[in-house]
Amino acid sequence: MTSQERLAFLLDIGGLDYKAAASVAGVSPLTIKSYRKPSSGRNVPETILLPIQRHVFERLSAIATAAGYELQPAA
């Protein structure tokens, strides 16, 4: 999965639009939008992906916990 595919996946499963993702990553919404466009030579920096990934995982964990599931780290 390319970094652009990872970004698209995280935005989709996290229910984030460009503005929300930009706020989480500390960048401009136009930056997120430009990285979302397909490109063979342009990679999304980890400094943008990691905060978004962390936000999405925290949100999914909160949903699972609210549904009564007990989450534990993988062994």
Protein backbone atom coordinates (compact mmCIF):
# COMPACT_ATOMS: atom_id res chain seq x y z
CA MET A 1 0.00 0.00 0.00
CA THR A 2 1.46 3.35 -0.99
CA SER A 3 1.50 6.28 1.40
CA GLN A 4 -1.26 7.95 -0.64
CA GLU A 5 -3.38 4.80 -0.37
CA ARG A 6 -2.73 4.74 3.39
CA LEU A 7 -3.88 8.36 3.66
CA ALA A 8 -7.05 7.65 1.67
CA PHE A 9 -7.74 4.55 3.78
CA LEU A 10 -7.26 6.41 7.07
CA LEU A 11 -9.50 9.28 5.95
CA ASP A 12 -12.18 6.83 4.85
CA ILE A 13 -12.26 4.62 7.93
CA GLY A 14 -11.77 7.57 10.25
CA GLY A 15 -14.57 9.55 8.65
CA LEU A 16 -12.25 12.52 8.25
CA ASP A 17 -12.62 15.24 5.67
CA TYR A 18 -9.69 17.38 4.49
CA LYS A 19 -10.21 20.02 7.17
CA ALA A 20 -10.40 17.53 10.04
CA ALA A 21 -7.37 15.60 8.80
CA ALA A 22 -5.42 18.82 8.35
CA SER A 23 -6.28 19.90 11.88
CA VAL A 24 -5.10 16.55 13.29
CA ALA A 25 -1.87 16.63 11.26
CA GLY A 26 -1.20 20.34 11.78
CA VAL A 27 -1.14 21.18 8.07
CA SER A 28 -3.30 23.02 5.56
CA PRO A 29 -6.40 21.30 4.14
CA LEU A 30 -4.92 21.91 0.68
CA THR A 31 -1.89 19.85 1.70
CA ILE A 32 -4.09 16.87 2.56
CA LYS A 33 -6.07 17.35 -0.65
CA SER A 34 -2.91 17.44 -2.78
CA TYR A 35 -1.54 14.26 -1.22
CA ARG A 36 -4.88 12.52 -1.74
CA LYS A 37 -4.52 12.89 -5.52
CA PRO A 38 -2.89 9.89 -7.23
CA SER A 39 0.78 10.41 -8.02
CA SER A 40 3.50 7.87 -8.73
CA GLY A 41 6.39 9.94 -7.39
CA ARG A 42 4.97 11.77 -4.41
CA ASN A 43 4.92 10.17 -0.97
CA VAL A 44 2.94 11.40 2.01
CA PRO A 45 5.39 12.19 4.82
CA GLU A 46 5.16 10.18 8.02
CA THR A 47 4.83 13.48 9.89
CA ILE A 48 1.39 13.78 8.27
CA LEU A 49 0.39 10.11 8.34
CA LEU A 50 1.30 9.26 11.93
CA PRO A 51 -0.90 11.83 13.72
CA ILE A 52 -3.84 10.91 11.49
CA GLN A 53 -3.23 7.19 12.07
CA ARG A 54 -3.03 7.74 15.84
CA HIS A 55 -6.27 9.77 15.79
CA VAL A 56 -8.11 7.10 13.78
CA PHE A 57 -6.89 4.26 16.02
CA GLU A 58 -7.91 6.17 19.15
CA ARG A 59 -11.34 6.81 17.66
CA LEU A 60 -11.81 3.16 16.68
CA SER A 61 -10.64 2.04 20.12
CA ALA A 62 -13.17 4.35 21.77
CA ILE A 63 -15.95 2.93 19.59
CA ALA A 64 -14.96 -0.66 20.41
CA THR A 65 -14.74 0.13 24.13
CA ALA A 66 -18.13 1.84 24.10
CA ALA A 67 -19.56 -1.27 22.45
CA GLY A 68 -18.31 -3.35 25.39
CA TYR A 69 -15.19 -4.88 23.88
CA GLU A 70 -12.01 -5.12 25.92
CA LEU A 71 -9.00 -4.24 23.79
CA GLN A 72 -5.58 -5.63 24.63
CA PRO A 73 -2.23 -5.18 22.91
CA ALA A 74 -1.15 -8.05 20.69
CA ALA A 75 1.23 -10.45 22.37
